[in-house]
Amino acid sequence: MECQFCNAILKNKYSLAIHQKKAKYCLIKQGKSNDKYKCEYCDKTLSTKQHLEVHYISCSRKKIQDSLSTNSQKYTSKI
């Protein structure tokens, strides 16, 4: 199956449908934006909720924010 938007070749209709809904370069060619799954810390856009959750594990800005939050809570509780 060939994607009508980006000419990618896929094995079947199901793969084509998923590709057209989630592939960033194909969405751009379609004139669509997939900002639904955006990291609130670094503004990176991901194609699925699962990818966003995995991204949060390694997001350096999230780690910094979490560290600052934790330190702030420690100092507040000591006061």
N, C-alpha and C. Protein backbone atom coordinates (compact mmCIF):
# COMPACT_ATOMS: atom_id res chain seq x y z
N MET A 1 0.85 -1.17 0.00
CA MET A 1 0.00 0.00 0.00
C MET A 1 0.89 1.24 0.00
N GLU A 2 0.52 2.22 -0.79
CA GLU A 2 1.30 3.45 -0.86
C GLU A 2 0.51 4.61 -0.26
N CYS A 3 1.15 5.37 0.59
CA CYS A 3 0.52 6.53 1.21
C CYS A 3 0.35 7.62 0.15
N GLN A 4 -0.85 8.12 0.03
CA GLN A 4 -1.14 9.14 -0.98
C GLN A 4 -0.53 10.50 -0.63
N PHE A 5 -0.14 10.70 0.61
CA PHE A 5 0.40 11.98 1.04
C PHE A 5 1.92 12.06 0.93
N CYS A 6 2.60 10.99 1.37
CA CYS A 6 4.07 11.05 1.41
C CYS A 6 4.74 9.94 0.60
N ASN A 7 3.96 9.12 -0.07
CA ASN A 7 4.45 8.04 -0.93
C ASN A 7 5.20 6.93 -0.20
N ALA A 8 5.02 6.83 1.11
CA ALA A 8 5.63 5.73 1.87
C ALA A 8 4.94 4.43 1.47
N ILE A 9 5.68 3.34 1.46
CA ILE A 9 5.14 2.03 1.11
C ILE A 9 4.94 1.25 2.41
N LEU A 10 3.72 0.76 2.60
CA LEU A 10 3.38 -0.02 3.79
C LEU A 10 2.78 -1.36 3.37
N LYS A 11 2.82 -2.34 4.29
CA LYS A 11 2.45 -3.70 3.95
C LYS A 11 0.95 -3.93 3.77
N ASN A 12 0.11 -3.21 4.56
CA ASN A 12 -1.33 -3.46 4.47
C ASN A 12 -2.12 -2.19 4.82
N LYS A 13 -3.45 -2.29 4.70
CA LYS A 13 -4.32 -1.13 4.96
C LYS A 13 -4.22 -0.66 6.40
N TYR A 14 -4.12 -1.60 7.33
CA TYR A 14 -4.03 -1.24 8.74
C TYR A 14 -2.77 -0.41 9.00
N SER A 15 -1.64 -0.86 8.49
CA SER A 15 -0.38 -0.13 8.66
C SER A 15 -0.47 1.25 8.02
N LEU A 16 -1.12 1.33 6.88
CA LEU A 16 -1.30 2.60 6.19
C LEU A 16 -2.13 3.56 7.04
N ALA A 17 -3.21 3.06 7.61
CA ALA A 17 -4.09 3.91 8.44
C ALA A 17 -3.34 4.44 9.66
N ILE A 18 -2.59 3.57 10.33
CA ILE A 18 -1.81 3.99 11.50
C ILE A 18 -0.76 5.02 11.08
N HIS A 19 -0.08 4.75 9.99
CA HIS A 19 0.94 5.65 9.47
C HIS A 19 0.35 7.04 9.21
N GLN A 20 -0.80 7.10 8.57
CA GLN A 20 -1.40 8.38 8.22
C GLN A 20 -1.92 9.14 9.43
N LYS A 21 -2.15 8.45 10.54
CA LYS A 21 -2.62 9.11 11.76
C LYS A 21 -1.49 9.53 12.67
N LYS A 22 -0.31 8.87 12.57
CA LYS A 22 0.72 9.09 13.58
C LYS A 22 2.09 9.53 13.07
N ALA A 23 2.42 9.29 11.82
CA ALA A 23 3.75 9.67 11.32
C ALA A 23 3.83 11.19 11.18
N LYS A 24 4.77 11.79 11.90
CA LYS A 24 4.86 13.25 11.92
C LYS A 24 5.03 13.85 10.54
N TYR A 25 5.95 13.29 9.75
CA TYR A 25 6.20 13.84 8.42
C TYR A 25 4.98 13.71 7.52
N CYS A 26 4.20 12.65 7.70
CA CYS A 26 2.99 12.47 6.90
C CYS A 26 1.90 13.46 7.35
N LEU A 27 1.78 13.65 8.65
CA LEU A 27 0.81 14.62 9.17
C LEU A 27 1.12 16.02 8.67
N ILE A 28 2.40 16.37 8.61
CA ILE A 28 2.80 17.68 8.09
C ILE A 28 2.39 17.81 6.63
N LYS A 29 2.63 16.76 5.85
CA LYS A 29 2.25 16.80 4.43
C LYS A 29 0.74 16.89 4.26
N GLN A 30 -0.01 16.33 5.22
CA GLN A 30 -1.46 16.40 5.18
C GLN A 30 -1.98 17.75 5.66
N GLY A 31 -1.10 18.56 6.22
CA GLY A 31 -1.51 19.85 6.76
C GLY A 31 -2.14 19.74 8.13
N LYS A 32 -1.88 18.62 8.82
CA LYS A 32 -2.43 18.40 10.15
C LYS A 32 -1.33 18.57 11.17
N SER A 33 -1.74 18.88 12.39
CA SER A 33 -0.78 19.01 13.48
C SER A 33 -1.16 18.03 14.58
N ASN A 34 -0.18 17.38 15.16
CA ASN A 34 -0.44 16.43 16.23
C ASN A 34 0.16 16.95 17.53
N ASP A 35 -0.39 18.05 18.03
CA ASP A 35 0.11 18.66 19.26
C ASP A 35 -0.58 18.10 20.50
N LYS A 36 -1.33 17.04 20.33
CA LYS A 36 -2.09 16.48 21.43
C LYS A 36 -1.19 15.95 22.54
N TYR A 37 -0.05 15.38 22.18
CA TYR A 37 0.86 14.79 23.16
C TYR A 37 2.13 15.62 23.21
N LYS A 38 2.10 16.68 24.00
CA LYS A 38 3.21 17.61 24.08
C LYS A 38 3.77 17.61 25.50
N CYS A 39 5.09 17.49 25.61
CA CYS A 39 5.75 17.52 26.91
C CYS A 39 5.57 18.90 27.52
N GLU A 40 5.07 18.95 28.74
CA GLU A 40 4.83 20.23 29.40
C GLU A 40 6.12 20.88 29.90
N TYR A 41 7.21 20.14 29.87
CA TYR A 41 8.48 20.65 30.37
C TYR A 41 9.38 21.19 29.25
N CYS A 42 9.47 20.47 28.14
CA CYS A 42 10.39 20.89 27.07
C CYS A 42 9.68 21.17 25.74
N ASP A 43 8.36 21.06 25.71
CA ASP A 43 7.53 21.35 24.52
C ASP A 43 7.78 20.41 23.34
N LYS A 44 8.40 19.27 23.58
CA LYS A 44 8.57 18.28 22.52
C LYS A 44 7.22 17.64 22.24
N THR A 45 6.90 17.44 20.96
CA THR A 45 5.65 16.82 20.56
C THR A 45 5.89 15.37 20.19
N LEU A 46 5.05 14.49 20.73
CA LEU A 46 5.17 13.06 20.45
C LEU A 46 3.87 12.55 19.84
N SER A 47 3.95 11.42 19.16
CA SER A 47 2.80 10.94 18.39
C SER A 47 1.77 10.16 19.20
N THR A 48 2.16 9.61 20.34
CA THR A 48 1.21 8.83 21.15
C THR A 48 1.40 9.13 22.63
N LYS A 49 0.38 8.79 23.41
CA LYS A 49 0.45 8.97 24.85
C LYS A 49 1.57 8.10 25.44
N GLN A 50 1.71 6.90 24.92
CA GLN A 50 2.75 5.99 25.41
C GLN A 50 4.14 6.57 25.16
N HIS A 51 4.36 7.16 24.00
CA HIS A 51 5.65 7.77 23.71
C HIS A 51 5.91 8.95 24.65
N LEU A 52 4.87 9.70 24.97
CA LEU A 52 5.01 10.81 25.90
C LEU A 52 5.41 10.31 27.28
N GLU A 53 4.77 9.24 27.74
CA GLU A 53 5.08 8.68 29.06
C GLU A 53 6.53 8.19 29.11
N VAL A 54 7.00 7.56 28.05
CA VAL A 54 8.39 7.11 27.99
C VAL A 54 9.32 8.32 27.96
N HIS A 55 8.94 9.36 27.23
CA HIS A 55 9.74 10.57 27.15
C HIS A 55 9.92 11.20 28.53
N TYR A 56 8.87 11.22 29.33
CA TYR A 56 8.95 11.81 30.67
C TYR A 56 10.04 11.16 31.53
N ILE A 57 10.32 9.90 31.29
CA ILE A 57 11.36 9.19 32.06
C ILE A 57 12.74 9.80 31.79
N SER A 58 12.97 10.23 30.56
CA SER A 58 14.30 10.73 30.20
C SER A 58 14.36 12.24 29.98
N CYS A 59 13.27 12.96 30.16
CA CYS A 59 13.24 14.40 29.91
C CYS A 59 14.10 15.13 30.95
N SER A 60 15.18 15.75 30.50
CA SER A 60 16.10 16.42 31.42
C SER A 60 15.45 17.61 32.11
N ARG A 61 14.59 18.33 31.43
CA ARG A 61 13.93 19.47 32.05
C ARG A 61 12.95 19.02 33.13
N LYS A 62 12.31 17.89 32.91
CA LYS A 62 11.39 17.34 33.93
C LYS A 62 12.19 16.94 35.17
N LYS A 63 13.35 16.33 34.94
CA LYS A 63 14.19 15.91 36.06
C LYS A 63 14.63 17.12 36.89
N ILE A 64 14.99 18.19 36.23
CA ILE A 64 15.39 19.41 36.93
C ILE A 64 14.22 19.97 37.73
N GLN A 65 13.05 20.03 37.09
CA GLN A 65 11.85 20.55 37.76
C GLN A 65 11.49 19.69 38.96
N ASP A 66 11.54 18.39 38.80
CA ASP A 66 11.22 17.48 39.91
C ASP A 66 12.22 17.65 41.05
N SER A 67 13.48 17.82 40.70
CA SER A 67 14.53 18.00 41.70
C SER A 67 14.30 19.29 42.49
N LEU A 68 13.96 20.37 41.79
CA LEU A 68 13.69 21.64 42.45
C LEU A 68 12.48 21.53 43.37
N SER A 69 11.47 20.84 42.90
CA SER A 69 10.25 20.63 43.70
C SER A 69 10.56 19.85 44.97
N THR A 70 11.31 18.80 44.83
CA THR A 70 11.65 17.95 45.97
C THR A 70 12.47 18.74 46.98
N ASN A 71 13.46 19.49 46.51
CA ASN A 71 14.28 20.30 47.41
C ASN A 71 13.46 21.36 48.10
N SER A 72 12.55 21.97 47.38
CA SER A 72 11.68 22.99 47.96
C SER A 72 10.80 22.40 49.06
N GLN A 73 10.29 21.22 48.83
CA GLN A 73 9.44 20.55 49.83
C GLN A 73 10.25 20.19 51.07
N LYS A 74 11.50 19.77 50.89
CA LYS A 74 12.36 19.42 52.02
C LYS A 74 12.60 20.64 52.90
N TYR A 75 12.92 21.77 52.26
CA TYR A 75 13.21 22.98 53.02
C TYR A 75 11.96 23.54 53.69
N THR A 76 10.82 23.43 53.04
CA THR A 76 9.56 23.91 53.61
C THR A 76 9.19 23.09 54.83
N SER A 77 9.39 21.77 54.76
CA SER A 77 9.04 20.92 55.88
C SER A 77 9.97 21.14 57.08
N LYS A 78 11.21 21.58 56.85
CA LYS A 78 12.15 21.84 57.92
C LYS A 78 11.82 23.14 58.66
N ILE A 79 11.16 24.03 57.96
CA ILE A 79 10.82 25.33 58.55
C ILE A 79 9.59 25.18 59.36
